N, C-alpha and C. Protein backbone atom coordinates (compact mmCIF):
# COMPACT_ATOMS: atom_id res chain seq x y z
N MET A 1 -3.46 -9.36 -10.57
CA MET A 1 -4.85 -9.13 -10.14
C MET A 1 -4.66 -9.62 -8.13
N ILE A 2 -4.02 -10.63 -8.24
CA ILE A 2 -3.86 -10.81 -6.87
C ILE A 2 -2.96 -10.68 -5.71
N LEU A 3 -1.74 -9.91 -6.87
CA LEU A 3 -0.99 -9.18 -5.96
C LEU A 3 -1.67 -7.87 -5.42
N ASN A 4 -2.75 -6.95 -6.20
CA ASN A 4 -3.26 -5.95 -6.19
C ASN A 4 -3.88 -5.63 -4.75
N ILE A 5 -5.10 -6.99 -4.91
CA ILE A 5 -5.76 -7.40 -3.67
C ILE A 5 -5.01 -7.71 -2.19
N SER A 6 -3.76 -8.06 -2.17
CA SER A 6 -2.91 -8.67 -1.19
C SER A 6 -2.30 -7.15 -0.24
N GLY A 7 -2.22 -6.67 -1.76
CA GLY A 7 -1.07 -5.62 -1.15
C GLY A 7 -2.25 -4.35 -0.17
N VAL A 8 -3.51 -4.89 -1.00
CA VAL A 8 -4.25 -3.35 -0.69
C VAL A 8 -4.87 -4.18 0.78
N VAL A 9 -5.09 -5.43 0.71
CA VAL A 9 -5.19 -6.18 2.21
C VAL A 9 -4.30 -5.76 3.85
N LEU A 10 -3.17 -5.77 2.72
CA LEU A 10 -1.78 -5.70 4.12
C LEU A 10 -1.68 -4.47 4.25
N LEU A 11 -1.98 -3.16 3.06
CA LEU A 11 -1.73 -1.81 3.33
C LEU A 11 -2.85 -1.28 4.39
N GLY A 12 -3.98 -1.99 4.49
CA GLY A 12 -5.48 -1.61 4.93
C GLY A 12 -5.12 -2.27 6.59
N THR A 13 -4.30 -3.55 6.57
CA THR A 13 -4.02 -3.89 8.17
C THR A 13 -2.92 -3.07 8.99
N VAL A 14 -1.89 -2.41 7.67
CA VAL A 14 -1.12 -1.52 8.63
C VAL A 14 -1.73 -0.32 9.27
N VAL A 15 -2.75 0.16 8.12
CA VAL A 15 -3.56 1.66 9.04
C VAL A 15 -4.61 0.91 9.73
N PHE A 16 -5.31 0.03 9.78
CA PHE A 16 -6.23 -0.39 10.66
C PHE A 16 -4.90 -0.66 11.96
N LEU A 17 -3.70 -1.23 12.08
CA LEU A 17 -3.34 -1.71 13.19
C LEU A 17 -2.45 0.04 13.73
N PHE A 18 -2.48 1.01 12.57
CA PHE A 18 -1.70 2.38 13.35
C PHE A 18 -2.80 2.85 13.68
N CYS A 19 -4.18 2.66 13.48
CA CYS A 19 -5.30 3.28 13.93
C CYS A 19 -5.31 2.75 15.54
N ARG A 20 -4.82 1.58 15.78
CA ARG A 20 -5.79 0.89 16.99
C ARG A 20 -4.69 0.83 18.40
N LYS A 21 -3.10 0.87 17.87
CA LYS A 21 -2.00 0.72 18.61
C LYS A 21 -1.31 2.09 18.41
N ASP A 22 -1.14 2.82 17.13
CA ASP A 22 -0.02 3.85 17.56
C ASP A 22 -0.70 5.58 17.35
N GLY A 23 -2.11 5.25 17.34
CA GLY A 23 -2.62 6.45 17.78
C GLY A 23 -2.85 7.28 16.32
N LEU A 24 -3.12 6.56 15.20
CA LEU A 24 -3.32 7.17 14.16
C LEU A 24 -4.88 7.19 13.72
N LYS A 25 -5.46 8.49 13.64
CA LYS A 25 -7.11 9.01 13.60
C LYS A 25 -7.40 8.41 12.52
N GLY A 26 -8.69 8.13 12.50
CA GLY A 26 -9.54 8.03 11.33
C GLY A 26 -9.41 8.99 10.26
N SER A 27 -9.32 10.24 10.52
CA SER A 27 -9.12 11.22 9.62
C SER A 27 -7.87 11.48 8.95
N HIS A 28 -6.76 10.46 9.58
CA HIS A 28 -5.71 10.98 9.37
C HIS A 28 -5.15 9.79 8.22
N ALA A 29 -6.27 8.49 8.30
CA ALA A 29 -6.21 7.02 7.45
C ALA A 29 -6.98 7.71 6.56
N THR A 30 -7.90 8.14 6.57
CA THR A 30 -8.84 9.11 5.43
C THR A 30 -7.94 9.70 4.22
N VAL A 31 -7.30 10.57 5.10
CA VAL A 31 -6.15 11.37 4.28
C VAL A 31 -5.26 10.72 3.11
N CYS A 32 -4.67 9.79 4.39
CA CYS A 32 -3.38 8.93 3.58
C CYS A 32 -4.33 8.17 2.53
N GLY A 33 -5.50 7.54 2.22
CA GLY A 33 -6.45 6.79 1.63
C GLY A 33 -6.67 7.72 0.16
N LEU A 34 -7.27 9.05 0.71
CA LEU A 34 -7.14 9.75 -0.28
C LEU A 34 -5.93 10.20 -1.50
N PHE A 35 -4.73 10.26 -0.40
CA PHE A 35 -3.46 10.44 -1.14
C PHE A 35 -3.32 9.54 -2.16
N GLY A 36 -3.28 8.46 -1.48
CA GLY A 36 -3.09 7.14 -2.75
C GLY A 36 -3.87 7.36 -3.78
N PHE A 37 -5.18 7.49 -3.74
CA PHE A 37 -6.68 7.49 -4.66
C PHE A 37 -5.74 8.41 -5.73
N TYR A 38 -5.43 9.79 -5.42
CA TYR A 38 -4.98 10.71 -6.15
C TYR A 38 -3.90 10.41 -6.85
N LEU A 39 -2.73 9.80 -6.29
CA LEU A 39 -1.51 9.65 -6.74
C LEU A 39 -1.75 8.57 -7.60
N SER A 40 -2.47 7.59 -7.51
CA SER A 40 -2.64 6.42 -8.36
C SER A 40 -3.37 7.14 -9.98
N SER A 41 -3.86 8.10 -10.06
CA SER A 41 -3.96 8.84 -11.25
C SER A 41 -2.55 10.24 -11.86
N THR A 42 -1.96 10.21 -11.41
CA THR A 42 -0.41 11.46 -11.91
C THR A 42 0.24 10.54 -12.45
N ALA A 43 1.23 11.07 -13.25
CA ALA A 43 2.17 10.26 -14.03
C ALA A 43 2.96 9.19 -13.09
N ILE A 44 3.43 9.69 -11.97
CA ILE A 44 4.49 8.79 -11.33
C ILE A 44 3.86 7.34 -10.81
N ALA A 45 2.52 7.28 -11.44
CA ALA A 45 1.79 5.88 -10.88
C ALA A 45 2.21 4.65 -11.94
N PRO A 46 2.69 4.66 -12.70
CA PRO A 46 3.74 3.66 -13.25
C PRO A 46 4.81 3.43 -12.65
N SER A 47 5.66 4.26 -12.01
CA SER A 47 6.87 4.09 -11.94
C SER A 47 6.84 3.61 -10.32
N ILE A 48 5.93 3.69 -9.83
CA ILE A 48 5.64 3.32 -8.28
C ILE A 48 4.98 1.72 -8.18
N LYS A 49 4.27 1.66 -9.49
CA LYS A 49 3.77 -0.07 -9.56
C LYS A 49 4.98 -1.10 -10.35
N ALA A 50 5.53 -0.36 -11.03
CA ALA A 50 6.46 -0.86 -11.48
C ALA A 50 7.73 -1.17 -10.31
N GLY A 51 7.78 -0.42 -8.97
CA GLY A 51 8.59 -0.66 -7.94
C GLY A 51 8.00 -1.70 -7.34
N GLY A 52 6.72 -1.69 -7.14
CA GLY A 52 6.41 -2.68 -6.39
C GLY A 52 6.04 -4.21 -6.51
N GLN A 53 6.05 -4.15 -8.43
CA GLN A 53 6.30 -5.37 -8.91
C GLN A 53 7.45 -5.89 -8.72
N SER A 54 8.40 -5.00 -8.87
CA SER A 54 9.56 -5.98 -8.48
C SER A 54 10.23 -5.79 -7.11
N LEU A 55 9.67 -5.30 -6.20
CA LEU A 55 9.59 -5.56 -4.59
C LEU A 55 8.98 -6.77 -4.94
N ALA A 56 7.84 -7.15 -5.07
CA ALA A 56 6.98 -8.76 -5.18
C ALA A 56 8.14 -9.71 -5.52
N GLY A 57 8.30 -9.36 -6.69
CA GLY A 57 9.24 -9.93 -7.09
C GLY A 57 10.56 -10.57 -6.53
N LEU A 58 11.42 -9.92 -6.15
CA LEU A 58 11.97 -9.83 -5.34
C LEU A 58 11.67 -10.66 -4.02
N LEU A 59 11.34 -10.41 -2.95
CA LEU A 59 9.99 -10.99 -1.93
C LEU A 59 9.76 -12.70 -2.50
N GLY A 60 8.99 -12.71 -3.93
CA GLY A 60 9.04 -14.10 -4.06
C GLY A 60 10.07 -14.69 -4.37
N GLY A 61 11.31 -14.47 -4.65
CA GLY A 61 12.25 -15.13 -5.14
C GLY A 61 13.08 -15.55 -3.84
N LEU A 62 12.72 -14.84 -2.84
CA LEU A 62 13.53 -15.43 -1.34
C LEU A 62 13.16 -16.58 -1.08
N ASN A 63 14.35 -17.76 -0.74
CA ASN A 63 14.19 -19.27 -0.17
C ASN A 63 14.60 -18.87 1.45
N PHE A 64 13.75 -19.86 2.35
CA PHE A 64 13.98 -19.16 3.46
C PHE A 64 14.19 -20.95 3.84
């Protein structure tokens, strides 16, 4: 659950920065959000989730 919330916060921050710095319009951000919402209900959603968890595990295992 914590990984999901932090992922949403991270992606929301990226979209916000794109809106402020790179000229991403609010309508584009809305379309991106709707795309993600509808993508989560498709058959590919478990693969995307597994890939995200794998990437989070990889990044969590890095030591600096």
